[in-house]
Amino acid sequence: MEIRLEHEAHYDWIAFVPLRDSNAGALTKYFGKVTGEDEYKYRGIECRQRSTPTYIDEAHKELIRAMDAYRDPEAVCGELRSWVDRLERGVVDPDELVITNRVSKHRNRLQRISVIS
């Protein structure tokens, strides 16, 4: 069996998100630090989705930056704790927690589908 892979970039490090029912990493869900750049690549994770609330997007990216800076799970967990604490204290602007979804179908088509259903 031959599996063709495309080269996207060189990474200082890369992390593959585990599959739900397995310890194996999903090849389409990963993040990593691009070699020689001050940027990260995000693929298939929440911060890439338009529907992700701003607060979650920022938290996700900050946790990835913390992982790059500290390379220590406890330090990353400490950073996560600070984001959770802000939520629990109620100091996060509710607008930063809004989930937005775009409907890609035309309104006429949606109305016909709901009448038929």
N, C-alpha and C. Protein backbone atom coordinates (compact mmCIF):
# COMPACT_ATOMS: atom_id res chain seq x y z
N MET A 1 0.85 -1.17 0.00
CA MET A 1 0.00 0.00 0.00
C MET A 1 0.90 1.23 0.00
N GLU A 2 0.57 2.17 -0.85
CA GLU A 2 1.34 3.41 -0.94
C GLU A 2 0.47 4.57 -0.47
N ILE A 3 1.01 5.37 0.43
CA ILE A 3 0.30 6.54 0.91
C ILE A 3 1.13 7.77 0.54
N ARG A 4 0.55 8.62 -0.27
CA ARG A 4 1.25 9.83 -0.68
C ARG A 4 0.99 10.94 0.33
N LEU A 5 2.05 11.59 0.74
CA LEU A 5 1.95 12.71 1.67
C LEU A 5 2.48 13.97 1.00
N GLU A 6 1.84 15.08 1.26
CA GLU A 6 2.31 16.35 0.73
C GLU A 6 3.15 17.05 1.79
N HIS A 7 4.26 17.63 1.34
CA HIS A 7 5.10 18.39 2.25
C HIS A 7 4.52 19.79 2.39
N GLU A 8 4.20 20.18 3.61
CA GLU A 8 3.62 21.49 3.84
C GLU A 8 4.64 22.47 4.41
N ALA A 9 5.45 22.00 5.35
CA ALA A 9 6.43 22.88 6.00
C ALA A 9 7.36 22.03 6.86
N HIS A 10 8.46 22.65 7.28
CA HIS A 10 9.33 22.04 8.27
C HIS A 10 8.91 22.58 9.63
N TYR A 11 8.92 21.71 10.62
CA TYR A 11 8.47 22.10 11.95
C TYR A 11 9.56 21.89 12.99
N ASP A 12 9.62 22.81 13.97
CA ASP A 12 10.48 22.57 15.14
C ASP A 12 9.88 21.43 15.96
N TRP A 13 8.56 21.43 16.03
CA TRP A 13 7.82 20.36 16.69
C TRP A 13 6.41 20.34 16.11
N ILE A 14 5.78 19.19 16.24
CA ILE A 14 4.41 19.02 15.75
C ILE A 14 3.68 18.06 16.68
N ALA A 15 2.39 18.30 16.89
CA ALA A 15 1.58 17.44 17.75
C ALA A 15 0.34 17.02 16.97
N PHE A 16 0.10 15.72 16.93
CA PHE A 16 -1.09 15.18 16.27
C PHE A 16 -2.15 14.90 17.33
N VAL A 17 -3.36 15.36 17.06
CA VAL A 17 -4.47 15.17 17.99
C VAL A 17 -4.91 13.72 17.94
N PRO A 18 -5.05 13.06 19.10
CA PRO A 18 -5.47 11.65 19.08
C PRO A 18 -6.90 11.48 18.57
N LEU A 19 -7.12 10.36 17.94
CA LEU A 19 -8.48 10.00 17.53
C LEU A 19 -9.33 9.75 18.77
N ARG A 20 -10.63 9.93 18.67
CA ARG A 20 -11.52 9.76 19.83
C ARG A 20 -11.41 8.39 20.49
N ASP A 21 -11.40 7.34 19.70
CA ASP A 21 -11.44 5.98 20.25
C ASP A 21 -10.09 5.27 20.14
N SER A 22 -9.00 6.04 20.12
CA SER A 22 -7.70 5.43 19.91
C SER A 22 -6.60 6.35 20.43
N ASN A 23 -5.45 5.79 20.66
CA ASN A 23 -4.29 6.60 21.03
C ASN A 23 -3.54 7.09 19.80
N ALA A 24 -3.94 6.61 18.63
CA ALA A 24 -3.28 7.01 17.38
C ALA A 24 -3.64 8.45 17.04
N GLY A 25 -2.72 9.16 16.43
CA GLY A 25 -2.97 10.54 16.02
C GLY A 25 -3.67 10.62 14.68
N ALA A 26 -4.55 11.58 14.55
CA ALA A 26 -5.24 11.82 13.28
C ALA A 26 -4.31 12.65 12.38
N LEU A 27 -4.06 12.21 11.19
CA LEU A 27 -3.13 12.90 10.29
C LEU A 27 -3.67 14.25 9.81
N THR A 28 -4.96 14.47 9.94
CA THR A 28 -5.55 15.73 9.49
C THR A 28 -5.79 16.72 10.62
N LYS A 29 -5.44 16.34 11.84
CA LYS A 29 -5.65 17.23 13.00
C LYS A 29 -4.32 17.37 13.73
N TYR A 30 -3.71 18.53 13.57
CA TYR A 30 -2.40 18.73 14.20
C TYR A 30 -2.12 20.22 14.35
N PHE A 31 -1.10 20.51 15.12
CA PHE A 31 -0.59 21.88 15.24
C PHE A 31 0.91 21.77 15.47
N GLY A 32 1.62 22.81 15.08
CA GLY A 32 3.06 22.77 15.25
C GLY A 32 3.71 24.12 15.04
N LYS A 33 4.95 24.22 15.45
CA LYS A 33 5.76 25.44 15.31
C LYS A 33 6.56 25.33 14.03
N VAL A 34 6.36 26.27 13.12
CA VAL A 34 7.05 26.27 11.84
C VAL A 34 8.51 26.67 12.05
N THR A 35 9.43 25.88 11.51
CA THR A 35 10.86 26.14 11.64
C THR A 35 11.23 27.48 11.01
N GLY A 36 12.00 28.26 11.76
CA GLY A 36 12.50 29.53 11.25
C GLY A 36 11.47 30.63 11.15
N GLU A 37 10.28 30.41 11.64
CA GLU A 37 9.20 31.40 11.58
C GLU A 37 8.67 31.64 12.98
N ASP A 38 8.05 32.77 13.16
CA ASP A 38 7.41 33.05 14.43
C ASP A 38 5.91 32.79 14.29
N GLU A 39 5.59 31.61 13.78
CA GLU A 39 4.19 31.27 13.57
C GLU A 39 3.95 29.79 13.82
N TYR A 40 2.70 29.48 13.98
CA TYR A 40 2.27 28.11 14.20
C TYR A 40 1.30 27.72 13.10
N LYS A 41 1.25 26.44 12.78
CA LYS A 41 0.26 25.91 11.85
C LYS A 41 -0.80 25.19 12.67
N TYR A 42 -2.06 25.44 12.34
CA TYR A 42 -3.18 24.78 13.00
C TYR A 42 -4.00 24.11 11.92
N ARG A 43 -4.24 22.82 12.05
CA ARG A 43 -5.03 22.10 11.06
C ARG A 43 -6.03 21.18 11.77
N GLY A 44 -7.30 21.34 11.41
CA GLY A 44 -8.34 20.44 11.91
C GLY A 44 -8.68 20.59 13.37
N ILE A 45 -8.27 21.68 14.00
CA ILE A 45 -8.56 21.88 15.42
C ILE A 45 -9.46 23.10 15.60
N GLU A 46 -10.01 23.26 16.79
CA GLU A 46 -11.04 24.26 17.07
C GLU A 46 -10.67 25.67 16.64
N CYS A 47 -9.43 26.08 16.86
CA CYS A 47 -9.07 27.47 16.54
C CYS A 47 -9.09 27.73 15.04
N ARG A 48 -9.24 26.72 14.22
CA ARG A 48 -9.35 26.90 12.76
C ARG A 48 -10.80 27.02 12.31
N GLN A 49 -11.74 26.73 13.18
CA GLN A 49 -13.14 26.74 12.79
C GLN A 49 -13.76 28.11 13.01
N ARG A 50 -14.51 28.57 12.04
CA ARG A 50 -15.14 29.90 12.15
C ARG A 50 -16.16 29.95 13.27
N SER A 51 -16.74 28.82 13.63
CA SER A 51 -17.80 28.81 14.64
C SER A 51 -17.24 28.86 16.07
N THR A 52 -15.95 28.71 16.24
CA THR A 52 -15.35 28.69 17.57
C THR A 52 -15.44 30.07 18.22
N PRO A 53 -15.92 30.15 19.46
CA PRO A 53 -15.98 31.43 20.16
C PRO A 53 -14.59 32.05 20.31
N THR A 54 -14.53 33.37 20.29
CA THR A 54 -13.27 34.11 20.38
C THR A 54 -12.46 33.68 21.60
N TYR A 55 -13.11 33.53 22.73
CA TYR A 55 -12.39 33.17 23.96
C TYR A 55 -11.71 31.81 23.83
N ILE A 56 -12.40 30.85 23.25
CA ILE A 56 -11.85 29.51 23.07
C ILE A 56 -10.72 29.54 22.05
N ASP A 57 -10.90 30.30 20.98
CA ASP A 57 -9.86 30.46 19.96
C ASP A 57 -8.58 31.01 20.59
N GLU A 58 -8.71 32.09 21.35
CA GLU A 58 -7.55 32.71 21.98
C GLU A 58 -6.90 31.77 23.01
N ALA A 59 -7.73 31.09 23.78
CA ALA A 59 -7.20 30.16 24.78
C ALA A 59 -6.42 29.04 24.10
N HIS A 60 -7.00 28.49 23.06
CA HIS A 60 -6.36 27.39 22.33
C HIS A 60 -4.98 27.81 21.81
N LYS A 61 -4.92 28.97 21.18
CA LYS A 61 -3.65 29.46 20.63
C LYS A 61 -2.65 29.77 21.74
N GLU A 62 -3.13 30.32 22.85
CA GLU A 62 -2.24 30.62 23.96
C GLU A 62 -1.68 29.35 24.60
N LEU A 63 -2.48 28.32 24.67
CA LEU A 63 -2.00 27.03 25.21
C LEU A 63 -0.94 26.43 24.30
N ILE A 64 -1.10 26.59 23.00
CA ILE A 64 -0.09 26.10 22.06
C ILE A 64 1.20 26.91 22.21
N ARG A 65 1.08 28.23 22.38
CA ARG A 65 2.27 29.06 22.61
C ARG A 65 2.96 28.66 23.92
N ALA A 66 2.17 28.35 24.95
CA ALA A 66 2.74 27.91 26.23
C ALA A 66 3.48 26.59 26.07
N MET A 67 2.91 25.70 25.27
CA MET A 67 3.58 24.43 25.03
C MET A 67 4.93 24.66 24.34
N ASP A 68 4.96 25.58 23.41
CA ASP A 68 6.20 25.89 22.71
C ASP A 68 7.22 26.52 23.68
N ALA A 69 6.75 27.41 24.51
CA ALA A 69 7.66 28.14 25.41
C ALA A 69 8.20 27.26 26.53
N TYR A 70 7.36 26.43 27.12
CA TYR A 70 7.75 25.68 28.32
C TYR A 70 8.08 24.22 28.08
N ARG A 71 7.46 23.61 27.07
CA ARG A 71 7.65 22.18 26.79
C ARG A 71 7.44 21.32 28.04
N ASP A 72 6.50 21.76 28.86
CA ASP A 72 6.23 21.10 30.13
C ASP A 72 4.71 21.00 30.31
N PRO A 73 4.17 19.79 30.40
CA PRO A 73 2.71 19.63 30.55
C PRO A 73 2.14 20.37 31.75
N GLU A 74 2.87 20.41 32.86
CA GLU A 74 2.35 21.09 34.05
C GLU A 74 2.22 22.59 33.82
N ALA A 75 3.16 23.17 33.10
CA ALA A 75 3.09 24.61 32.81
C ALA A 75 1.90 24.90 31.89
N VAL A 76 1.66 24.03 30.93
CA VAL A 76 0.53 24.20 30.03
C VAL A 76 -0.78 24.04 30.80
N CYS A 77 -0.82 23.07 31.70
CA CYS A 77 -2.02 22.89 32.54
C CYS A 77 -2.26 24.10 33.43
N GLY A 78 -1.19 24.72 33.91
CA GLY A 78 -1.32 25.95 34.70
C GLY A 78 -1.91 27.08 33.88
N GLU A 79 -1.48 27.19 32.64
CA GLU A 79 -2.05 28.20 31.73
C GLU A 79 -3.52 27.91 31.47
N LEU A 80 -3.86 26.65 31.25
CA LEU A 80 -5.26 26.26 31.06
C LEU A 80 -6.09 26.62 32.29
N ARG A 81 -5.55 26.37 33.46
CA ARG A 81 -6.25 26.68 34.71
C ARG A 81 -6.60 28.17 34.78
N SER A 82 -5.69 29.04 34.32
CA SER A 82 -5.97 30.48 34.36
C SER A 82 -7.13 30.85 33.42
N TRP A 83 -7.22 30.20 32.27
CA TRP A 83 -8.33 30.46 31.35
C TRP A 83 -9.64 29.95 31.94
N VAL A 84 -9.62 28.79 32.57
CA VAL A 84 -10.82 28.23 33.20
C VAL A 84 -11.24 29.10 34.40
N ASP A 85 -10.27 29.56 35.18
CA ASP A 85 -10.56 30.42 36.34
C ASP A 85 -11.32 31.68 35.92
N ARG A 86 -10.89 32.30 34.81
CA ARG A 86 -11.58 33.50 34.33
C ARG A 86 -13.03 33.20 33.99
N LEU A 87 -13.26 32.04 33.39
CA LEU A 87 -14.64 31.64 33.09
C LEU A 87 -15.44 31.45 34.37
N GLU A 88 -14.86 30.74 35.34
CA GLU A 88 -15.56 30.46 36.59
C GLU A 88 -15.84 31.72 37.40
N ARG A 89 -14.96 32.71 37.32
CA ARG A 89 -15.16 33.97 38.04
C ARG A 89 -16.17 34.88 37.33
N GLY A 90 -16.51 34.54 36.09
CA GLY A 90 -17.50 35.33 35.35
C GLY A 90 -16.95 36.63 34.80
N VAL A 91 -15.64 36.71 34.59
CA VAL A 91 -15.04 37.96 34.10
C VAL A 91 -14.86 37.98 32.58
N VAL A 92 -15.31 36.94 31.92
CA VAL A 92 -15.19 36.88 30.46
C VAL A 92 -16.43 37.54 29.84
N ASP A 93 -16.20 38.43 28.89
CA ASP A 93 -17.30 39.08 28.18
C ASP A 93 -18.12 38.01 27.46
N PRO A 94 -19.43 37.97 27.70
CA PRO A 94 -20.27 36.96 27.05
C PRO A 94 -20.15 36.96 25.52
N ASP A 95 -19.87 38.12 24.93
CA ASP A 95 -19.69 38.17 23.48
C ASP A 95 -18.54 37.29 23.00
N GLU A 96 -17.55 37.06 23.87
CA GLU A 96 -16.41 36.23 23.52
C GLU A 96 -16.74 34.73 23.59
N LEU A 97 -17.94 34.41 24.05
CA LEU A 97 -18.35 33.01 24.18
C LEU A 97 -19.43 32.61 23.18
N VAL A 98 -19.78 33.52 22.30
CA VAL A 98 -20.83 33.27 21.32
C VAL A 98 -20.33 32.33 20.23
N ILE A 99 -21.14 31.34 19.92
CA ILE A 99 -20.85 30.41 18.83
C ILE A 99 -21.62 30.91 17.61
N THR A 100 -20.92 31.09 16.51
CA THR A 100 -21.58 31.54 15.30
C THR A 100 -21.49 30.45 14.23
N ASN A 101 -22.57 30.29 13.53
CA ASN A 101 -22.61 29.34 12.41
C ASN A 101 -23.16 30.05 11.20
N ARG A 102 -22.58 29.76 10.07
CA ARG A 102 -23.09 30.31 8.81
C ARG A 102 -23.88 29.24 8.11
N VAL A 103 -25.02 29.63 7.60
CA VAL A 103 -25.84 28.72 6.83
C VAL A 103 -25.42 28.88 5.38
N SER A 104 -25.06 27.80 4.75
CA SER A 104 -24.55 27.89 3.38
C SER A 104 -25.62 27.68 2.32
N LYS A 105 -26.79 27.28 2.71
CA LYS A 105 -27.88 27.07 1.75
C LYS A 105 -28.69 28.35 1.62
N HIS A 106 -29.27 28.54 0.45
CA HIS A 106 -30.14 29.71 0.26
C HIS A 106 -31.41 29.54 1.08
N ARG A 107 -31.95 30.64 1.52
CA ARG A 107 -33.15 30.61 2.37
C ARG A 107 -34.31 29.88 1.69
N ASN A 108 -34.53 30.09 0.40
CA ASN A 108 -35.63 29.42 -0.32
C ASN A 108 -35.48 27.92 -0.25
N ARG A 109 -34.28 27.43 -0.43
CA ARG A 109 -34.04 25.98 -0.39
C ARG A 109 -34.32 25.45 1.01
N LEU A 110 -33.92 26.17 2.05
CA LEU A 110 -34.16 25.72 3.42
C LEU A 110 -35.66 25.68 3.72
N GLN A 111 -36.41 26.67 3.23
CA GLN A 111 -37.86 26.68 3.48
C GLN A 111 -38.53 25.50 2.78
N ARG A 112 -38.10 25.17 1.56
CA ARG A 112 -38.70 24.03 0.85
C ARG A 112 -38.37 22.72 1.58
N ILE A 113 -37.16 22.62 2.09
CA ILE A 113 -36.79 21.39 2.80
C ILE A 113 -37.61 21.25 4.06
N SER A 114 -37.82 22.33 4.81
CA SER A 114 -38.57 22.20 6.05
C SER A 114 -40.05 21.93 5.79
N VAL A 115 -40.61 22.43 4.69
CA VAL A 115 -42.01 22.15 4.35
C VAL A 115 -42.15 20.68 3.96
N ILE A 116 -41.20 20.14 3.25
CA ILE A 116 -41.25 18.75 2.81
C ILE A 116 -41.06 17.81 4.00
N SER A 117 -40.22 18.19 4.92
CA SER A 117 -39.89 17.31 6.06
C SER A 117 -41.05 16.99 6.88
